[in-house]
Structure formats: structure tokens, C-alpha cells
Amino acid sequence: MDIASFEALEAKIARVVDRLEILKTENEELRELNSRLQDEVVEKSSEIESLRQSVAEAQANARDLDKEEQIRSKVSEMLDKLESL
């Protein structure tokens, strides 16, 4: 192997090492981003569950209000009947 070939090989190896360092840095940044996003997913999942519970409670309360209105209406009808006697 002559000096020119050796120097070309050395330059290629230097480029590979430089690229490897860049890739390691990018990999670490992506791992950190992935970790943050996973934490965010867990947090959002918790928020979604809380909102689902709130919606279920609101629906239950709405049904209770409908029942309450039906009861008021029937009581009002019965009072009207009693007053007409």
C-alpha cells in the first residue's frame, strides 16, 4: 500500500469517525426526545381518563336533571288536579 492510498484510507476513517460522533449525538438527542414524549403521552392519557370521568359524571347529572324535571312536571299535574277538585 502506498502513502497516497494510506492517506485516502485515513481520511475516509476520519470521516467515518466524525459521522459516528454526529450520529451518537443525534441518537442521544432522539432518546431524550423520545423519553419526554413518552412522559407526555402518560400525562395526556391521565388527562383523557379524567375528562372521560367528568363526561360520565356530567351525563349522569343530565339524566338526574331530566328525571327531576319529569318529577316536577308530574307533581305539578297532580297539584293542578287536586286544585280542580
N, C-alpha and C. Protein backbone atom coordinates (compact mmCIF):
# COMPACT_ATOMS: atom_id res chain seq x y z
N MET A 1 0.86 -1.16 0.00
CA MET A 1 0.00 0.00 0.00
C MET A 1 0.91 1.23 0.00
N ASP A 2 0.63 2.13 -0.94
CA ASP A 2 1.46 3.33 -0.99
C ASP A 2 0.92 4.41 -0.07
N ILE A 3 1.66 5.47 0.10
CA ILE A 3 1.31 6.55 1.03
C ILE A 3 -0.01 7.22 0.62
N ALA A 4 -0.23 7.44 -0.65
CA ALA A 4 -1.46 8.09 -1.12
C ALA A 4 -2.69 7.26 -0.75
N SER A 5 -2.61 5.97 -0.94
CA SER A 5 -3.72 5.08 -0.57
C SER A 5 -3.94 5.09 0.93
N PHE A 6 -2.84 5.05 1.66
CA PHE A 6 -2.93 5.08 3.12
C PHE A 6 -3.57 6.38 3.60
N GLU A 7 -3.17 7.51 3.00
CA GLU A 7 -3.75 8.81 3.38
C GLU A 7 -5.22 8.89 3.02
N ALA A 8 -5.60 8.32 1.88
CA ALA A 8 -7.02 8.30 1.47
C ALA A 8 -7.82 7.46 2.46
N LEU A 9 -7.27 6.33 2.85
CA LEU A 9 -7.94 5.47 3.83
C LEU A 9 -8.07 6.19 5.16
N GLU A 10 -7.00 6.86 5.56
CA GLU A 10 -7.02 7.61 6.82
C GLU A 10 -8.10 8.70 6.78
N ALA A 11 -8.23 9.39 5.66
CA ALA A 11 -9.25 10.44 5.51
C ALA A 11 -10.65 9.84 5.58
N LYS A 12 -10.85 8.71 4.95
CA LYS A 12 -12.15 8.04 5.00
C LYS A 12 -12.49 7.62 6.42
N ILE A 13 -11.51 7.07 7.11
CA ILE A 13 -11.73 6.66 8.50
C ILE A 13 -12.06 7.87 9.37
N ALA A 14 -11.37 8.99 9.14
CA ALA A 14 -11.65 10.21 9.90
C ALA A 14 -13.08 10.68 9.65
N ARG A 15 -13.53 10.60 8.39
CA ARG A 15 -14.92 10.99 8.07
C ARG A 15 -15.92 10.06 8.74
N VAL A 16 -15.61 8.78 8.75
CA VAL A 16 -16.49 7.80 9.39
C VAL A 16 -16.57 8.07 10.90
N VAL A 17 -15.42 8.35 11.51
CA VAL A 17 -15.39 8.63 12.95
C VAL A 17 -16.19 9.90 13.24
N ASP A 18 -16.00 10.95 12.42
CA ASP A 18 -16.76 12.18 12.60
C ASP A 18 -18.25 11.93 12.47
N ARG A 19 -18.63 11.18 11.46
CA ARG A 19 -20.05 10.87 11.23
C ARG A 19 -20.60 10.04 12.39
N LEU A 20 -19.80 9.14 12.90
CA LEU A 20 -20.22 8.31 14.03
C LEU A 20 -20.49 9.18 15.25
N GLU A 21 -19.64 10.15 15.50
CA GLU A 21 -19.84 11.06 16.63
C GLU A 21 -21.12 11.86 16.46
N ILE A 22 -21.35 12.34 15.25
CA ILE A 22 -22.59 13.08 14.97
C ILE A 22 -23.80 12.19 15.20
N LEU A 23 -23.74 10.97 14.72
CA LEU A 23 -24.86 10.03 14.89
C LEU A 23 -25.09 9.69 16.35
N LYS A 24 -24.02 9.56 17.13
CA LYS A 24 -24.17 9.29 18.56
C LYS A 24 -24.88 10.44 19.24
N THR A 25 -24.48 11.67 18.88
CA THR A 25 -25.13 12.86 19.47
C THR A 25 -26.60 12.91 19.08
N GLU A 26 -26.88 12.69 17.80
CA GLU A 26 -28.27 12.70 17.33
C GLU A 26 -29.07 11.60 18.02
N ASN A 27 -28.47 10.44 18.19
CA ASN A 27 -29.14 9.33 18.85
C ASN A 27 -29.51 9.70 20.28
N GLU A 28 -28.58 10.31 21.00
CA GLU A 28 -28.85 10.71 22.38
C GLU A 28 -29.96 11.75 22.44
N GLU A 29 -29.93 12.71 21.52
CA GLU A 29 -30.99 13.73 21.48
C GLU A 29 -32.34 13.09 21.20
N LEU A 30 -32.36 12.13 20.28
CA LEU A 30 -33.61 11.45 19.96
C LEU A 30 -34.11 10.59 21.13
N ARG A 31 -33.19 9.98 21.85
CA ARG A 31 -33.59 9.21 23.03
C ARG A 31 -34.22 10.12 24.09
N GLU A 32 -33.62 11.29 24.28
CA GLU A 32 -34.17 12.25 25.25
C GLU A 32 -35.54 12.74 24.80
N LEU A 33 -35.67 13.04 23.51
CA LEU A 33 -36.96 13.47 22.98
C LEU A 33 -37.99 12.37 23.14
N ASN A 34 -37.60 11.14 22.84
CA ASN A 34 -38.50 10.00 22.99
C ASN A 34 -38.97 9.87 24.43
N SER A 35 -38.05 10.02 25.36
CA SER A 35 -38.40 9.92 26.78
C SER A 35 -39.39 11.01 27.17
N ARG A 36 -39.12 12.23 26.73
CA ARG A 36 -40.04 13.34 27.05
C ARG A 36 -41.41 13.09 26.44
N LEU A 37 -41.44 12.60 25.21
CA LEU A 37 -42.72 12.34 24.56
C LEU A 37 -43.47 11.20 25.24
N GLN A 38 -42.75 10.19 25.70
CA GLN A 38 -43.42 9.11 26.43
C GLN A 38 -44.03 9.64 27.73
N ASP A 39 -43.29 10.51 28.41
CA ASP A 39 -43.84 11.12 29.63
C ASP A 39 -45.09 11.93 29.30
N GLU A 40 -45.04 12.64 28.18
CA GLU A 40 -46.18 13.45 27.76
C GLU A 40 -47.38 12.57 27.43
N VAL A 41 -47.13 11.43 26.80
CA VAL A 41 -48.21 10.51 26.47
C VAL A 41 -48.88 10.01 27.75
N VAL A 42 -48.07 9.66 28.74
CA VAL A 42 -48.62 9.19 30.02
C VAL A 42 -49.47 10.30 30.65
N GLU A 43 -48.96 11.52 30.62
CA GLU A 43 -49.68 12.65 31.20
C GLU A 43 -51.00 12.89 30.45
N LYS A 44 -50.94 12.87 29.13
CA LYS A 44 -52.15 13.10 28.32
C LYS A 44 -53.15 11.97 28.53
N SER A 45 -52.66 10.75 28.67
CA SER A 45 -53.56 9.62 28.91
C SER A 45 -54.30 9.81 30.23
N SER A 46 -53.59 10.30 31.22
CA SER A 46 -54.21 10.57 32.52
C SER A 46 -55.26 11.68 32.38
N GLU A 47 -54.94 12.71 31.63
CA GLU A 47 -55.89 13.80 31.41
C GLU A 47 -57.12 13.30 30.67
N ILE A 48 -56.92 12.44 29.68
CA ILE A 48 -58.04 11.89 28.92
C ILE A 48 -58.94 11.07 29.84
N GLU A 49 -58.35 10.25 30.70
CA GLU A 49 -59.15 9.45 31.63
C GLU A 49 -59.96 10.34 32.57
N SER A 50 -59.32 11.40 33.04
CA SER A 50 -60.01 12.35 33.92
C SER A 50 -61.18 13.01 33.19
N LEU A 51 -60.96 13.39 31.94
CA LEU A 51 -62.03 14.01 31.15
C LEU A 51 -63.16 13.01 30.88
N ARG A 52 -62.80 11.76 30.64
CA ARG A 52 -63.84 10.73 30.43
C ARG A 52 -64.71 10.60 31.68
N GLN A 53 -64.07 10.62 32.83
CA GLN A 53 -64.83 10.53 34.08
C GLN A 53 -65.73 11.75 34.25
N SER A 54 -65.21 12.92 33.90
CA SER A 54 -66.00 14.15 34.00
C SER A 54 -67.21 14.09 33.07
N VAL A 55 -67.00 13.58 31.87
CA VAL A 55 -68.10 13.45 30.91
C VAL A 55 -69.14 12.48 31.44
N ALA A 56 -68.70 11.37 31.99
CA ALA A 56 -69.63 10.38 32.53
C ALA A 56 -70.44 10.98 33.68
N GLU A 57 -69.78 11.74 34.54
CA GLU A 57 -70.48 12.41 35.64
C GLU A 57 -71.48 13.42 35.12
N ALA A 58 -71.07 14.18 34.10
CA ALA A 58 -71.97 15.19 33.53
C ALA A 58 -73.19 14.53 32.89
N GLN A 59 -72.96 13.39 32.22
CA GLN A 59 -74.09 12.66 31.62
C GLN A 59 -75.02 12.13 32.70
N ALA A 60 -74.45 11.64 33.79
CA ALA A 60 -75.28 11.15 34.90
C ALA A 60 -76.08 12.29 35.51
N ASN A 61 -75.44 13.44 35.67
CA ASN A 61 -76.14 14.61 36.21
C ASN A 61 -77.24 15.07 35.27
N ALA A 62 -76.99 15.01 33.97
CA ALA A 62 -78.01 15.40 32.99
C ALA A 62 -79.22 14.47 33.09
N ARG A 63 -78.96 13.18 33.27
CA ARG A 63 -80.08 12.23 33.42
C ARG A 63 -80.85 12.55 34.70
N ASP A 64 -80.12 12.89 35.77
CA ASP A 64 -80.78 13.24 37.02
C ASP A 64 -81.64 14.48 36.84
N LEU A 65 -81.15 15.45 36.09
CA LEU A 65 -81.92 16.67 35.84
C LEU A 65 -83.17 16.37 35.03
N ASP A 66 -83.06 15.46 34.07
CA ASP A 66 -84.23 15.05 33.29
C ASP A 66 -85.26 14.38 34.20
N LYS A 67 -84.79 13.50 35.07
CA LYS A 67 -85.71 12.83 35.99
C LYS A 67 -86.35 13.85 36.93
N GLU A 68 -85.56 14.79 37.41
CA GLU A 68 -86.07 15.83 38.30
C GLU A 68 -87.15 16.65 37.60
N GLU A 69 -86.91 16.97 36.35
CA GLU A 69 -87.90 17.75 35.59
C GLU A 69 -89.18 16.94 35.37
N GLN A 70 -89.05 15.64 35.12
CA GLN A 70 -90.22 14.78 34.96
C GLN A 70 -91.01 14.73 36.25
N ILE A 71 -90.30 14.60 37.36
CA ILE A 71 -90.98 14.54 38.67
C ILE A 71 -91.70 15.87 38.94
N ARG A 72 -91.04 16.99 38.68
CA ARG A 72 -91.69 18.30 38.88
C ARG A 72 -92.94 18.43 38.03
N SER A 73 -92.83 17.96 36.80
CA SER A 73 -93.97 18.05 35.90
C SER A 73 -95.14 17.21 36.43
N LYS A 74 -94.86 16.00 36.88
CA LYS A 74 -95.92 15.13 37.39
C LYS A 74 -96.52 15.70 38.68
N VAL A 75 -95.67 16.23 39.56
CA VAL A 75 -96.17 16.83 40.80
C VAL A 75 -97.05 18.02 40.47
N SER A 76 -96.60 18.81 39.51
CA SER A 76 -97.41 19.96 39.09
C SER A 76 -98.75 19.52 38.54
N GLU A 77 -98.77 18.47 37.73
CA GLU A 77 -100.03 17.95 37.20
C GLU A 77 -100.93 17.47 38.32
N MET A 78 -100.35 16.76 39.31
CA MET A 78 -101.16 16.25 40.43
C MET A 78 -101.72 17.41 41.25
N LEU A 79 -100.92 18.45 41.47
CA LEU A 79 -101.40 19.62 42.21
C LEU A 79 -102.53 20.30 41.47
N ASP A 80 -102.38 20.40 40.17
CA ASP A 80 -103.45 21.00 39.35
C ASP A 80 -104.73 20.21 39.49
N LYS A 81 -104.64 18.87 39.46
CA LYS A 81 -105.81 18.01 39.61
C LYS A 81 -106.44 18.21 40.99
N LEU A 82 -105.59 18.28 42.01
CA LEU A 82 -106.11 18.48 43.37
C LEU A 82 -106.81 19.84 43.49
N GLU A 83 -106.26 20.87 42.91
CA GLU A 83 -106.85 22.18 42.97
C GLU A 83 -108.17 22.26 42.22
N SER A 84 -108.30 21.43 41.20
CA SER A 84 -109.53 21.47 40.41
C SER A 84 -110.68 20.76 41.15
N LEU A 85 -110.39 20.05 42.19
CA LEU A 85 -111.45 19.34 42.94
C LEU A 85 -112.19 20.26 43.80
